[in-house]
Amino acid sequence: MSLTLSQAETQVRDALNEATAVFWTDAQITQWIQEGVRIFSSKTLMVEDTQDITLVANQLKYSKIDEAWLGDLIEPYAAIYRSAAAGTTYKGLIKIHPRQIGNVPLSTIGPPKYYTMHDRKIYIFPMTSAALVAAGATVSVLHAKETDDITALTDEYQHLPILYAVAKCKQRDMKFQESGAMLSQFFQEIAYEREDKHGREVDSLDKFQIPKQGGGNQSANG
């Protein structure tokens, strides 16, 4: 069952055997849960979302001023351009590294082809024409984001910010050995989740084709 912040705080207090605030305040526990969520989301890239950028004519750079969610963007995985100018069409944009921008040839205003991220801003080019914007051109961005909201985590990850908060409570109580063991477990699990769920992903063009699984030559019947 997915936990609310209040339910997560209750689980922390259960672990501490302090049902109501005596030594650890509610504000402290909330702060440490949120800190644990921020660390998890930023280190694992496993808090994912999909949001749209409404394109603006002759605009290259989009920031949180244009779309509030860009302020929490960590890593874009894919961008899908949608245009209704000549019937609804969709096109995947090519992701490039910011260093590659200088190697992109001269282009005229029109349908986007490339995108990149720098300083939590998305650059989309060629820049979009007024006609495409008038037709409702958008770019959907599939991405990982930073958050301190435990409800944004799927069920299997919510125990980790709770573990982190309990560890910080133990640290405040000067139970440093217990706290250190819990923090070690927290960061080990974070490293495992990133490697198991994110690190194994195929996301570059040269690795797009999945290699044959298993060893030796396999017949058509397996």
C-alpha atoms as a PDB file:
ATOM      1  CA  MET A   1       0.000   0.000   0.000  1.00  0.00           C
ATOM      2  CA  SER A   2       1.300   3.421  -0.933  1.00  0.00           C
ATOM      3  CA  LEU A   3       2.051   5.561   2.119  1.00  0.00           C
ATOM      4  CA  THR A   4       1.139   9.166   2.768  1.00  0.00           C
ATOM      5  CA  LEU A   5       3.598  11.430   4.566  1.00  0.00           C
ATOM      6  CA  SER A   6       1.576  11.073   7.772  1.00  0.00           C
ATOM      7  CA  GLN A   7       1.651   7.273   7.526  1.00  0.00           C
ATOM      8  CA  ALA A   8       5.403   7.350   6.903  1.00  0.00           C
ATOM      9  CA  GLU A   9       5.883   9.494  10.007  1.00  0.00           C
ATOM     10  CA  THR A  10       3.879   6.936  12.008  1.00  0.00           C
ATOM     11  CA  GLN A  11       6.140   4.130  10.760  1.00  0.00           C
ATOM     12  CA  VAL A  12       9.217   6.099  11.831  1.00  0.00           C
ATOM     13  CA  ARG A  13       7.725   6.604  15.297  1.00  0.00           C
ATOM     14  CA  ASP A  14       6.836   2.905  15.496  1.00  0.00           C
ATOM     15  CA  ALA A  15      10.489   2.046  14.840  1.00  0.00           C
ATOM     16  CA  LEU A  16      11.559   4.518  17.525  1.00  0.00           C
ATOM     17  CA  ASN A  17       8.914   3.310  20.024  1.00  0.00           C
ATOM     18  CA  GLU A  18       7.765   6.898  20.530  1.00  0.00           C
ATOM     19  CA  ALA A  19       4.149   7.194  19.406  1.00  0.00           C
ATOM     20  CA  THR A  20       3.860  10.901  20.203  1.00  0.00           C
ATOM     21  CA  ALA A  21       6.499  13.627  20.096  1.00  0.00           C
ATOM     22  CA  VAL A  22       8.741  13.625  23.170  1.00  0.00           C
ATOM     23  CA  PHE A  23      12.375  13.542  22.049  1.00  0.00           C
ATOM     24  CA  TRP A  24      11.906  13.759  18.270  1.00  0.00           C
ATOM     25  CA  THR A  25       9.542  16.413  16.974  1.00  0.00           C
ATOM     26  CA  ASP A  26       7.117  15.845  14.112  1.00  0.00           C
ATOM     27  CA  ALA A  27       8.867  18.612  12.180  1.00  0.00           C
ATOM     28  CA  GLN A  28      12.243  16.858  12.482  1.00  0.00           C
ATOM     29  CA  ILE A  29      10.857  13.518  11.326  1.00  0.00           C
ATOM     30  CA  THR A  30       9.094  15.176   8.376  1.00  0.00           C
ATOM     31  CA  GLN A  31      12.306  16.954   7.420  1.00  0.00           C
ATOM     32  CA  TRP A  32      14.335  13.723   7.461  1.00  0.00           C
ATOM     33  CA  ILE A  33      11.740  11.777   5.464  1.00  0.00           C
ATOM     34  CA  GLN A  34      11.753  14.507   2.829  1.00  0.00           C
ATOM     35  CA  GLU A  35      15.557  14.594   2.840  1.00  0.00           C
ATOM     36  CA  GLY A  36      15.629  10.826   2.307  1.00  0.00           C
ATOM     37  CA  VAL A  37      13.208  11.133  -0.621  1.00  0.00           C
ATOM     38  CA  ARG A  38      15.365  13.867  -2.208  1.00  0.00           C
ATOM     39  CA  ILE A  39      18.496  11.733  -1.880  1.00  0.00           C
ATOM     40  CA  PHE A  40      16.725   8.677  -3.300  1.00  0.00           C
ATOM     41  CA  SER A  41      15.237  10.517  -6.265  1.00  0.00           C
ATOM     42  CA  SER A  42      18.428  12.372  -7.175  1.00  0.00           C
ATOM     43  CA  LYS A  43      20.798   9.400  -6.759  1.00  0.00           C
ATOM     44  CA  THR A  44      18.742   6.599  -8.310  1.00  0.00           C
ATOM     45  CA  LEU A  45      16.855   8.486 -11.062  1.00  0.00           C
ATOM     46  CA  MET A  46      13.990   6.128 -10.280  1.00  0.00           C
ATOM     47  CA  VAL A  47      11.287   8.757  -9.718  1.00  0.00           C
ATOM     48  CA  GLU A  48       9.941   9.132 -13.238  1.00  0.00           C
ATOM     49  CA  ASP A  49       7.407  11.412 -14.873  1.00  0.00           C
ATOM     50  CA  THR A  50       6.136  12.557 -18.272  1.00  0.00           C
ATOM     51  CA  GLN A  51       5.341  16.207 -18.877  1.00  0.00           C
ATOM     52  CA  ASP A  52       4.656  18.416 -21.898  1.00  0.00           C
ATOM     53  CA  ILE A  53       6.424  21.526 -23.123  1.00  0.00           C
ATOM     54  CA  THR A  54       4.126  23.861 -25.029  1.00  0.00           C
ATOM     55  CA  LEU A  55       6.383  25.173 -27.774  1.00  0.00           C
ATOM     56  CA  VAL A  56       6.856  28.895 -28.354  1.00  0.00           C
ATOM     57  CA  ALA A  57       7.649  30.408 -31.739  1.00  0.00           C
ATOM     58  CA  ASN A  58      11.339  31.264 -32.261  1.00  0.00           C
ATOM     59  CA  GLN A  59      12.297  30.075 -28.755  1.00  0.00           C
ATOM     60  CA  LEU A  60      15.307  27.827 -28.233  1.00  0.00           C
ATOM     61  CA  LYS A  61      15.520  27.441 -24.448  1.00  0.00           C
ATOM     62  CA  TYR A  62      12.794  26.326 -22.019  1.00  0.00           C
ATOM     63  CA  SER A  63      13.177  26.681 -18.241  1.00  0.00           C
ATOM     64  CA  LYS A  64      11.001  26.477 -15.124  1.00  0.00           C
ATOM     65  CA  ILE A  65       9.708  29.934 -16.048  1.00  0.00           C
ATOM     66  CA  ASP A  66       8.051  28.319 -19.079  1.00  0.00           C
ATOM     67  CA  GLU A  67       7.141  25.005 -17.414  1.00  0.00           C
ATOM     68  CA  ALA A  68       7.318  24.741 -13.605  1.00  0.00           C
ATOM     69  CA  TRP A  69       8.212  21.012 -13.695  1.00  0.00           C
ATOM     70  CA  LEU A  70      11.508  21.773 -15.427  1.00  0.00           C
ATOM     71  CA  GLY A  71      12.807  23.027 -12.080  1.00  0.00           C
ATOM     72  CA  ASP A  72      12.799  19.420 -10.821  1.00  0.00           C
ATOM     73  CA  LEU A  73      14.182  17.823 -13.995  1.00  0.00           C
ATOM     74  CA  ILE A  74      17.274  15.651 -13.514  1.00  0.00           C
ATOM     75  CA  GLU A  75      17.588  13.433 -16.582  1.00  0.00           C
ATOM     76  CA  PRO A  76      15.481  13.378 -19.760  1.00  0.00           C
ATOM     77  CA  TYR A  77      15.193   9.950 -21.376  1.00  0.00           C
ATOM     78  CA  ALA A  78      13.200  10.761 -24.503  1.00  0.00           C
ATOM     79  CA  ALA A  79      11.306  13.611 -26.148  1.00  0.00           C
ATOM     80  CA  ILE A  80       8.322  13.137 -28.454  1.00  0.00           C
ATOM     81  CA  TYR A  81       7.332  15.989 -30.748  1.00  0.00           C
ATOM     82  CA  ARG A  82       3.634  16.290 -31.611  1.00  0.00           C
ATOM     83  CA  SER A  83       2.249  18.494 -34.374  1.00  0.00           C
ATOM     84  CA  ALA A  84      -1.281  18.941 -35.662  1.00  0.00           C
ATOM     85  CA  ALA A  85      -0.295  21.242 -38.539  1.00  0.00           C
ATOM     86  CA  ALA A  86      -0.978  18.654 -41.268  1.00  0.00           C
ATOM     87  CA  GLY A  87      -2.830  15.974 -39.390  1.00  0.00           C
ATOM     88  CA  THR A  88      -1.560  14.820 -36.017  1.00  0.00           C
ATOM     89  CA  THR A  89       1.968  13.460 -36.346  1.00  0.00           C
ATOM     90  CA  TYR A  90       4.510  12.276 -33.788  1.00  0.00           C
ATOM     91  CA  LYS A  91       8.297  12.180 -34.004  1.00  0.00           C
ATOM     92  CA  GLY A  92      11.007  11.196 -31.557  1.00  0.00           C
ATOM     93  CA  LEU A  93      13.614  13.939 -31.157  1.00  0.00           C
ATOM     94  CA  ILE A  94      17.312  13.081 -31.198  1.00  0.00           C
ATOM     95  CA  LYS A  95      18.956  13.571 -27.806  1.00  0.00           C
ATOM     96  CA  ILE A  96      22.420  15.102 -27.969  1.00  0.00           C
ATOM     97  CA  HIS A  97      25.000  16.203 -25.410  1.00  0.00           C
ATOM     98  CA  PRO A  98      25.311  19.977 -24.850  1.00  0.00           C
ATOM     99  CA  ARG A  99      28.883  19.794 -26.212  1.00  0.00           C
ATOM    100  CA  GLN A 100      27.478  18.605 -29.538  1.00  0.00           C
ATOM    101  CA  ILE A 101      25.467  21.765 -30.130  1.00  0.00           C
ATOM    102  CA  GLY A 102      28.441  23.436 -31.787  1.00  0.00           C
ATOM    103  CA  ASN A 103      28.526  20.641 -34.358  1.00  0.00           C
ATOM    104  CA  VAL A 104      24.879  20.940 -35.384  1.00  0.00           C
ATOM    105  CA  PRO A 105      24.702  22.455 -38.896  1.00  0.00           C
ATOM    106  CA  LEU A 106      22.829  25.653 -39.705  1.00  0.00           C
ATOM    107  CA  SER A 107      19.081  25.049 -39.691  1.00  0.00           C
ATOM    108  CA  THR A 108      16.009  27.122 -40.447  1.00  0.00           C
ATOM    109  CA  ILE A 109      12.980  27.567 -38.228  1.00  0.00           C
ATOM    110  CA  GLY A 110      10.634  24.608 -38.535  1.00  0.00           C
ATOM    111  CA  PRO A 111       9.836  21.218 -36.987  1.00  0.00           C
ATOM    112  CA  PRO A 112      12.195  20.335 -34.098  1.00  0.00           C
ATOM    113  CA  LYS A 113      14.801  17.624 -34.623  1.00  0.00           C
ATOM    114  CA  TYR A 114      17.186  17.758 -31.628  1.00  0.00           C
ATOM    115  CA  TYR A 115      16.959  18.359 -27.901  1.00  0.00           C
ATOM    116  CA  THR A 116      19.415  18.572 -25.015  1.00  0.00           C
ATOM    117  CA  MET A 117      19.490  19.498 -21.344  1.00  0.00           C
ATOM    118  CA  HIS A 118      21.827  21.950 -19.635  1.00  0.00           C
ATOM    119  CA  ASP A 119      21.420  23.662 -16.247  1.00  0.00           C
ATOM    120  CA  ARG A 120      17.927  22.153 -15.848  1.00  0.00           C
ATOM    121  CA  LYS A 121      16.855  23.815 -19.062  1.00  0.00           C
ATOM    122  CA  ILE A 122      15.725  22.046 -22.224  1.00  0.00           C
ATOM    123  CA  TYR A 123      17.033  23.287 -25.588  1.00  0.00           C
ATOM    124  CA  ILE A 124      14.923  22.316 -28.617  1.00  0.00           C
ATOM    125  CA  PHE A 125      16.033  23.072 -32.159  1.00  0.00           C
ATOM    126  CA  PRO A 126      15.480  24.010 -34.865  1.00  0.00           C
ATOM    127  CA  MET A 127      13.290  26.626 -33.241  1.00  0.00           C
ATOM    128  CA  THR A 128       9.577  26.155 -33.872  1.00  0.00           C
ATOM    129  CA  SER A 129       7.706  28.254 -36.429  1.00  0.00           C
ATOM    130  CA  ALA A 130       4.660  30.364 -35.577  1.00  0.00           C
ATOM    131  CA  ALA A 131       2.498  28.169 -37.815  1.00  0.00           C
ATOM    132  CA  LEU A 132       3.433  25.010 -35.900  1.00  0.00           C
ATOM    133  CA  VAL A 133       2.857  26.773 -32.581  1.00  0.00           C
ATOM    134  CA  ALA A 134      -0.569  27.958 -33.740  1.00  0.00           C
ATOM    135  CA  ALA A 135      -1.403  24.325 -34.545  1.00  0.00           C
ATOM    136  CA  GLY A 136      -0.641  23.329 -30.940  1.00  0.00           C
ATOM    137  CA  ALA A 137       2.882  21.885 -31.258  1.00  0.00           C
ATOM    138  CA  THR A 138       4.157  20.235 -28.059  1.00  0.00           C
ATOM    139  CA  VAL A 139       7.065  18.100 -26.886  1.00  0.00           C
ATOM    140  CA  SER A 140       6.423  15.363 -24.325  1.00  0.00           C
ATOM    141  CA  VAL A 141       9.476  14.707 -22.154  1.00  0.00           C
ATOM    142  CA  LEU A 142       9.979  11.346 -20.420  1.00  0.00           C
ATOM    143  CA  HIS A 143      12.315  12.040 -17.522  1.00  0.00           C
ATOM    144  CA  ALA A 144      13.609  11.406 -14.024  1.00  0.00           C
ATOM    145  CA  LYS A 145      12.944  14.121 -11.489  1.00  0.00           C
ATOM    146  CA  GLU A 146      13.994  15.283  -8.038  1.00  0.00           C
ATOM    147  CA  THR A 147      11.317  15.396  -5.361  1.00  0.00           C
ATOM    148  CA  ASP A 148      10.822  15.432  -1.596  1.00  0.00           C
ATOM    149  CA  ASP A 149       7.293  14.002  -1.841  1.00  0.00           C
ATOM    150  CA  ILE A 150       7.184  10.419  -0.564  1.00  0.00           C
ATOM    151  CA  THR A 151       3.878   9.822  -2.381  1.00  0.00           C
ATOM    152  CA  ALA A 152       5.776  10.237  -5.664  1.00  0.00           C
ATOM    153  CA  LEU A 153       7.715   7.044  -4.868  1.00  0.00           C
ATOM    154  CA  THR A 154       6.226   3.697  -5.827  1.00  0.00           C
ATOM    155  CA  ASP A 155       5.503   1.262  -3.003  1.00  0.00           C
ATOM    156  CA  GLU A 156       8.710  -0.750  -3.234  1.00  0.00           C
ATOM    157  CA  TYR A 157      10.889   2.309  -2.565  1.00  0.00           C
ATOM    158  CA  GLN A 158       9.000   4.036   0.249  1.00  0.00           C
ATOM    159  CA  HIS A 159      10.730   2.088   3.007  1.00  0.00           C
ATOM    160  CA  LEU A 160      14.034   3.760   2.134  1.00  0.00           C
ATOM    161  CA  PRO A 161      13.210   7.338   3.233  1.00  0.00           C
ATOM    162  CA  ILE A 162      11.685   5.822   6.378  1.00  0.00           C
ATOM    163  CA  LEU A 163      14.951   3.974   7.046  1.00  0.00           C
ATOM    164  CA  TYR A 164      16.872   7.209   6.451  1.00  0.00           C
ATOM    165  CA  ALA A 165      14.640   9.152   8.883  1.00  0.00           C
ATOM    166  CA  VAL A 166      15.035   6.509  11.605  1.00  0.00           C
ATOM    167  CA  ALA A 167      18.818   6.640  11.112  1.00  0.00           C
ATOM    168  CA  LYS A 168      18.844  10.427  11.489  1.00  0.00           C
ATOM    169  CA  CYS A 169      16.717  10.149  14.630  1.00  0.00           C
ATOM    170  CA  LYS A 170      19.197   7.645  16.087  1.00  0.00           C
ATOM    171  CA  GLN A 171      21.999  10.027  15.165  1.00  0.00           C
ATOM    172  CA  ARG A 172      20.327  12.851  17.100  1.00  0.00           C
ATOM    173  CA  ASP A 173      19.996  10.474  20.067  1.00  0.00           C
ATOM    174  CA  MET A 174      23.779   9.908  19.793  1.00  0.00           C
ATOM    175  CA  LYS A 175      23.308   6.234  18.953  1.00  0.00           C
ATOM    176  CA  PHE A 176      25.952   6.544  16.279  1.00  0.00           C
ATOM    177  CA  GLN A 177      26.613   2.843  15.712  1.00  0.00           C
ATOM    178  CA  GLU A 178      22.945   2.087  15.001  1.00  0.00           C
ATOM    179  CA  SER A 179      22.631   5.211  12.888  1.00  0.00           C
ATOM    180  CA  GLY A 180      25.738   4.382  10.869  1.00  0.00           C
ATOM    181  CA  ALA A 181      24.537   0.838  10.162  1.00  0.00           C
ATOM    182  CA  MET A 182      21.167   2.112   8.959  1.00  0.00           C
ATOM    183  CA  LEU A 183      22.698   4.823   6.779  1.00  0.00           C
ATOM    184  CA  SER A 184      25.054   2.256   5.269  1.00  0.00           C
ATOM    185  CA  GLN A 185      22.074   0.035   4.438  1.00  0.00           C
ATOM    186  CA  PHE A 186      20.205   3.032   2.969  1.00  0.00           C
ATOM    187  CA  PHE A 187      22.996   3.993   0.581  1.00  0.00           C
ATOM    188  CA  GLN A 188      23.719   0.372  -0.367  1.00  0.00           C
ATOM    189  CA  GLU A 189      20.080  -0.136  -1.336  1.00  0.00           C
ATOM    190  CA  ILE A 190      20.106   3.104  -3.318  1.00  0.00           C
ATOM    191  CA  ALA A 191      23.190   1.932  -5.234  1.00  0.00           C
ATOM    192  CA  TYR A 192      21.554  -1.432  -5.904  1.00  0.00           C
ATOM    193  CA  GLU A 193      18.289   0.095  -7.157  1.00  0.00           C
ATOM    194  CA  ARG A 194      20.109   2.404  -9.545  1.00  0.00           C
ATOM    195  CA  GLU A 195      22.249  -0.395 -10.945  1.00  0.00           C
ATOM    196  CA  ASP A 196      19.389  -2.889 -11.154  1.00  0.00           C
ATOM    197  CA  LYS A 197      16.647  -0.612 -12.492  1.00  0.00           C
ATOM    198  CA  HIS A 198      18.412   2.298 -14.180  1.00  0.00           C
ATOM    199  CA  GLY A 199      21.999   1.333 -14.953  1.00  0.00           C
ATOM    200  CA  ARG A 200      21.002  -1.663 -17.044  1.00  0.00           C
ATOM    201  CA  GLU A 201      18.834   0.353 -19.453  1.00  0.00           C
ATOM    202  CA  VAL A 202      19.785   0.524 -23.140  1.00  0.00           C
ATOM    203  CA  ASP A 203      19.639   4.187 -24.089  1.00  0.00           C
ATOM    204  CA  SER A 204      22.220   4.922 -26.764  1.00  0.00           C
ATOM    205  CA  LEU A 205      21.860   4.477 -30.502  1.00  0.00           C
ATOM    206  CA  ASP A 206      24.823   2.109 -30.846  1.00  0.00           C
ATOM    207  CA  LYS A 207      23.298  -0.216 -28.229  1.00  0.00           C
ATOM    208  CA  PHE A 208      19.708   0.037 -29.444  1.00  0.00           C
ATOM    209  CA  GLN A 209      19.611  -3.499 -30.809  1.00  0.00           C
ATOM    210  CA  ILE A 210      19.324  -6.014 -27.993  1.00  0.00           C
ATOM    211  CA  PRO A 211      22.056  -8.704 -28.205  1.00  0.00           C
ATOM    212  CA  LYS A 212      21.090 -12.398 -28.396  1.00  0.00           C
ATOM    213  CA  GLN A 213      20.536 -13.862 -24.967  1.00  0.00           C
ATOM    214  CA  GLY A 214      22.234 -17.080 -23.842  1.00  0.00           C
ATOM    215  CA  GLY A 215      25.330 -18.773 -25.178  1.00  0.00           C
ATOM    216  CA  GLY A 216      26.152 -20.613 -28.393  1.00  0.00           C
ATOM    217  CA  ASN A 217      24.120 -20.935 -31.557  1.00  0.00           C
ATOM    218  CA  GLN A 218      20.433 -21.326 -30.889  1.00  0.00           C
ATOM    219  CA  SER A 219      18.074 -23.059 -33.272  1.00  0.00           C
ATOM    220  CA  ALA A 220      14.738 -21.612 -34.354  1.00  0.00           C
ATOM    221  CA  ASN A 221      13.044 -23.918 -31.876  1.00  0.00           C
ATOM    222  CA  GLY A 222      15.259 -22.719 -29.001  1.00  0.00           C
END
